[in-house]
Amino acid sequence: MEFLLSNKDLEIIEAANNLDFDILDDDSCVLKRADFSLHLVHQDLDTLS
């Protein structure tokens, strides 16, 4: 699970809708990134919701 902060929100939303995920690796588009891919358990998801 990855959370992204961007100054180009509409561009990221459009890319995700078109399944074009290359833009998510573009540092000029993504300002901050948080990756929660290590050993998530159900309680972690409850905390995030």
PDB file of N, CA and C in Angstrom:
ATOM      1  N   MET A   1       0.847  -1.145   0.000  1.00  0.00           N
ATOM      2  CA  MET A   1       0.000   0.000   0.000  1.00  0.00           C
ATOM      3  C   MET A   1       0.906   1.225   0.000  1.00  0.00           C
ATOM      4  N   GLU A   2       0.592   2.134  -0.880  1.00  0.00           N
ATOM      5  CA  GLU A   2       1.429   3.312  -1.021  1.00  0.00           C
ATOM      6  C   GLU A   2       0.552   4.558  -1.042  1.00  0.00           C
ATOM      7  N   PHE A   3       0.978   5.574  -0.313  1.00  0.00           N
ATOM      8  CA  PHE A   3       0.297   6.859  -0.291  1.00  0.00           C
ATOM      9  C   PHE A   3       1.213   7.884  -0.939  1.00  0.00           C
ATOM     10  N   LEU A   4       0.631   8.731  -1.799  1.00  0.00           N
ATOM     11  CA  LEU A   4       1.412   9.738  -2.507  1.00  0.00           C
ATOM     12  C   LEU A   4       0.852  11.124  -2.260  1.00  0.00           C
ATOM     13  N   LEU A   5       1.736  12.086  -2.153  1.00  0.00           N
ATOM     14  CA  LEU A   5       1.359  13.489  -2.053  1.00  0.00           C
ATOM     15  C   LEU A   5       1.917  14.182  -3.278  1.00  0.00           C
ATOM     16  N   SER A   6       1.057  14.948  -3.944  1.00  0.00           N
ATOM     17  CA  SER A   6       1.479  15.555  -5.196  1.00  0.00           C
ATOM     18  C   SER A   6       0.868  16.933  -5.361  1.00  0.00           C
ATOM     19  N   ASN A   7       1.529  17.752  -6.145  1.00  0.00           N
ATOM     20  CA  ASN A   7       0.942  19.025  -6.540  1.00  0.00           C
ATOM     21  C   ASN A   7       0.204  18.879  -7.867  1.00  0.00           C
ATOM     22  N   LYS A   8       0.172  17.670  -8.387  1.00  0.00           N
ATOM     23  CA  LYS A   8      -0.509  17.384  -9.656  1.00  0.00           C
ATOM     24  C   LYS A   8      -1.573  16.308  -9.432  1.00  0.00           C
ATOM     25  N   ASP A   9      -2.472  16.544  -8.465  1.00  0.00           N
ATOM     26  CA  ASP A   9      -3.457  15.532  -8.076  1.00  0.00           C
ATOM     27  C   ASP A   9      -4.293  15.033  -9.252  1.00  0.00           C
ATOM     28  N   LEU A  10      -4.759  15.945 -10.084  1.00  0.00           N
ATOM     29  CA  LEU A  10      -5.604  15.528 -11.194  1.00  0.00           C
ATOM     30  C   LEU A  10      -4.849  14.633 -12.172  1.00  0.00           C
ATOM     31  N   GLU A  11      -3.564  14.918 -12.357  1.00  0.00           N
ATOM     32  CA  GLU A  11      -2.744  14.110 -13.260  1.00  0.00           C
ATOM     33  C   GLU A  11      -2.584  12.691 -12.709  1.00  0.00           C
ATOM     34  N   ILE A  12      -2.400  12.566 -11.410  1.00  0.00           N
ATOM     35  CA  ILE A  12      -2.269  11.244 -10.791  1.00  0.00           C
ATOM     36  C   ILE A  12      -3.585  10.484 -10.871  1.00  0.00           C
ATOM     37  N   ILE A  13      -4.691  11.158 -10.595  1.00  0.00           N
ATOM     38  CA  ILE A  13      -6.008  10.503 -10.656  1.00  0.00           C
ATOM     39  C   ILE A  13      -6.291  10.030 -12.071  1.00  0.00           C
ATOM     40  N   GLU A  14      -6.025  10.867 -13.056  1.00  0.00           N
ATOM     41  CA  GLU A  14      -6.248  10.491 -14.453  1.00  0.00           C
ATOM     42  C   GLU A  14      -5.374   9.303 -14.845  1.00  0.00           C
ATOM     43  N   ALA A  15      -4.117   9.316 -14.431  1.00  0.00           N
ATOM     44  CA  ALA A  15      -3.211   8.206 -14.747  1.00  0.00           C
ATOM     45  C   ALA A  15      -3.695   6.913 -14.095  1.00  0.00           C
ATOM     46  N   ALA A  16      -4.147   6.990 -12.847  1.00  0.00           N
ATOM     47  CA  ALA A  16      -4.642   5.791 -12.163  1.00  0.00           C
ATOM     48  C   ALA A  16      -5.901   5.261 -12.854  1.00  0.00           C
ATOM     49  N   ASN A  17      -6.771   6.148 -13.266  1.00  0.00           N
ATOM     50  CA  ASN A  17      -7.990   5.718 -13.975  1.00  0.00           C
ATOM     51  C   ASN A  17      -7.667   5.039 -15.288  1.00  0.00           C
ATOM     52  N   ASN A  18      -6.554   5.437 -15.917  1.00  0.00           N
ATOM     53  CA  ASN A  18      -6.143   4.843 -17.197  1.00  0.00           C
ATOM     54  C   ASN A  18      -5.128   3.714 -17.016  1.00  0.00           C
ATOM     55  N   LEU A  19      -4.884   3.331 -15.757  1.00  0.00           N
ATOM     56  CA  LEU A  19      -3.926   2.268 -15.422  1.00  0.00           C
ATOM     57  C   LEU A  19      -2.522   2.580 -15.941  1.00  0.00           C
ATOM     58  N   ASP A  20      -2.182   3.859 -15.978  1.00  0.00           N
ATOM     59  CA  ASP A  20      -0.856   4.313 -16.401  1.00  0.00           C
ATOM     60  C   ASP A  20      -0.065   4.678 -15.150  1.00  0.00           C
ATOM     61  N   PHE A  21       0.570   3.693 -14.541  1.00  0.00           N
ATOM     62  CA  PHE A  21       1.209   3.890 -13.250  1.00  0.00           C
ATOM     63  C   PHE A  21       2.646   4.402 -13.348  1.00  0.00           C
ATOM     64  N   ASP A  22       3.150   4.614 -14.553  1.00  0.00           N
ATOM     65  CA  ASP A  22       4.509   5.143 -14.716  1.00  0.00           C
ATOM     66  C   ASP A  22       4.665   6.519 -14.084  1.00  0.00           C
ATOM     67  N   ILE A  23       3.604   7.308 -14.105  1.00  0.00           N
ATOM     68  CA  ILE A  23       3.695   8.659 -13.542  1.00  0.00           C
ATOM     69  C   ILE A  23       3.963   8.620 -12.040  1.00  0.00           C
ATOM     70  N   LEU A  24       3.595   7.533 -11.385  1.00  0.00           N
ATOM     71  CA  LEU A  24       3.798   7.435  -9.943  1.00  0.00           C
ATOM     72  C   LEU A  24       5.271   7.300  -9.576  1.00  0.00           C
ATOM     73  N   ASP A  25       6.116   7.023 -10.555  1.00  0.00           N
ATOM     74  CA  ASP A  25       7.560   6.955 -10.333  1.00  0.00           C
ATOM     75  C   ASP A  25       8.268   8.252 -10.704  1.00  0.00           C
ATOM     76  N   ASP A  26       7.512   9.218 -11.178  1.00  0.00           N
ATOM     77  CA  ASP A  26       8.062  10.495 -11.635  1.00  0.00           C
ATOM     78  C   ASP A  26       8.237  11.440 -10.448  1.00  0.00           C
ATOM     79  N   ASP A  27       9.475  11.735 -10.077  1.00  0.00           N
ATOM     80  CA  ASP A  27       9.753  12.593  -8.924  1.00  0.00           C
ATOM     81  C   ASP A  27       9.272  14.030  -9.121  1.00  0.00           C
ATOM     82  N   SER A  28       9.063  14.444 -10.352  1.00  0.00           N
ATOM     83  CA  SER A  28       8.559  15.806 -10.571  1.00  0.00           C
ATOM     84  C   SER A  28       7.068  15.884 -10.267  1.00  0.00           C
ATOM     85  N   CYS A  29       6.410  14.752 -10.200  1.00  0.00           N
ATOM     86  CA  CYS A  29       4.977  14.715  -9.917  1.00  0.00           C
ATOM     87  C   CYS A  29       4.699  14.361  -8.458  1.00  0.00           C
ATOM     88  N   VAL A  30       5.478  13.463  -7.898  1.00  0.00           N
ATOM     89  CA  VAL A  30       5.259  12.992  -6.530  1.00  0.00           C
ATOM     90  C   VAL A  30       6.172  13.757  -5.573  1.00  0.00           C
ATOM     91  N   LEU A  31       5.566  14.454  -4.632  1.00  0.00           N
ATOM     92  CA  LEU A  31       6.335  15.230  -3.664  1.00  0.00           C
ATOM     93  C   LEU A  31       6.762  14.389  -2.470  1.00  0.00           C
ATOM     94  N   LYS A  32       5.842  13.566  -1.957  1.00  0.00           N
ATOM     95  CA  LYS A  32       6.112  12.711  -0.800  1.00  0.00           C
ATOM     96  C   LYS A  32       5.513  11.332  -1.062  1.00  0.00           C
ATOM     97  N   ARG A  33       6.161  10.314  -0.502  1.00  0.00           N
ATOM     98  CA  ARG A  33       5.714   8.936  -0.707  1.00  0.00           C
ATOM     99  C   ARG A  33       5.826   8.184   0.612  1.00  0.00           C
ATOM    100  N   ALA A  34       4.775   7.422   0.944  1.00  0.00           N
ATOM    101  CA  ALA A  34       4.806   6.555   2.129  1.00  0.00           C
ATOM    102  C   ALA A  34       4.409   5.153   1.670  1.00  0.00           C
ATOM    103  N   ASP A  35       5.251   4.196   1.956  1.00  0.00           N
ATOM    104  CA  ASP A  35       5.030   2.820   1.519  1.00  0.00           C
ATOM    105  C   ASP A  35       4.824   1.936   2.746  1.00  0.00           C
ATOM    106  N   PHE A  36       3.663   1.289   2.807  1.00  0.00           N
ATOM    107  CA  PHE A  36       3.314   0.422   3.928  1.00  0.00           C
ATOM    108  C   PHE A  36       3.214  -1.024   3.465  1.00  0.00           C
ATOM    109  N   SER A  37       4.212  -1.499   2.745  1.00  0.00           N
ATOM    110  CA  SER A  37       4.127  -2.837   2.169  1.00  0.00           C
ATOM    111  C   SER A  37       4.697  -3.929   3.063  1.00  0.00           C
ATOM    112  N   LEU A  38       5.212  -3.580   4.223  1.00  0.00           N
ATOM    113  CA  LEU A  38       5.830  -4.573   5.088  1.00  0.00           C
ATOM    114  C   LEU A  38       4.843  -5.105   6.121  1.00  0.00           C
ATOM    115  N   HIS A  39       4.494  -6.332   6.021  1.00  0.00           N
ATOM    116  CA  HIS A  39       3.753  -7.073   7.047  1.00  0.00           C
ATOM    117  C   HIS A  39       2.532  -6.349   7.597  1.00  0.00           C
ATOM    118  N   LEU A  40       1.639  -5.941   6.734  1.00  0.00           N
ATOM    119  CA  LEU A  40       0.391  -5.350   7.202  1.00  0.00           C
ATOM    120  C   LEU A  40      -0.514  -6.442   7.749  1.00  0.00           C
ATOM    121  N   VAL A  41      -1.175  -6.141   8.838  1.00  0.00           N
ATOM    122  CA  VAL A  41      -2.182  -7.039   9.390  1.00  0.00           C
ATOM    123  C   VAL A  41      -3.521  -6.276   9.398  1.00  0.00           C
ATOM    124  N   HIS A  42      -4.593  -6.988   9.605  1.00  0.00           N
ATOM    125  CA  HIS A  42      -5.919  -6.360   9.536  1.00  0.00           C
ATOM    126  C   HIS A  42      -6.061  -5.148  10.463  1.00  0.00           C
ATOM    127  N   GLN A  43      -5.465  -5.215  11.631  1.00  0.00           N
ATOM    128  CA  GLN A  43      -5.562  -4.106  12.575  1.00  0.00           C
ATOM    129  C   GLN A  43      -4.892  -2.843  12.021  1.00  0.00           C
ATOM    130  N   ASP A  44      -3.843  -3.015  11.221  1.00  0.00           N
ATOM    131  CA  ASP A  44      -3.195  -1.858  10.599  1.00  0.00           C
ATOM    132  C   ASP A  44      -4.147  -1.144   9.668  1.00  0.00           C
ATOM    133  N   LEU A  45      -4.931  -1.894   8.912  1.00  0.00           N
ATOM    134  CA  LEU A  45      -5.880  -1.295   7.985  1.00  0.00           C
ATOM    135  C   LEU A  45      -6.987  -0.581   8.741  1.00  0.00           C
ATOM    136  N   ASP A  46      -7.384  -1.126   9.896  1.00  0.00           N
ATOM    137  CA  ASP A  46      -8.387  -0.446  10.719  1.00  0.00           C
ATOM    138  C   ASP A  46      -7.850   0.904  11.201  1.00  0.00           C
ATOM    139  N   THR A  47      -6.592   0.938  11.545  1.00  0.00           N
ATOM    140  CA  THR A  47      -5.976   2.177  12.008  1.00  0.00           C
ATOM    141  C   THR A  47      -5.967   3.225  10.910  1.00  0.00           C
ATOM    142  N   LEU A  48      -5.734   2.813   9.672  1.00  0.00           N
ATOM    143  CA  LEU A  48      -5.658   3.758   8.553  1.00  0.00           C
ATOM    144  C   LEU A  48      -7.020   4.249   8.106  1.00  0.00           C
ATOM    145  N   SER A  49      -8.075   3.513   8.390  1.00  0.00           N
ATOM    146  CA  SER A  49      -9.407   3.907   7.906  1.00  0.00           C
ATOM    147  C   SER A  49     -10.107   4.848   8.845  1.00  0.00           C
TER     148      SER A  49
END
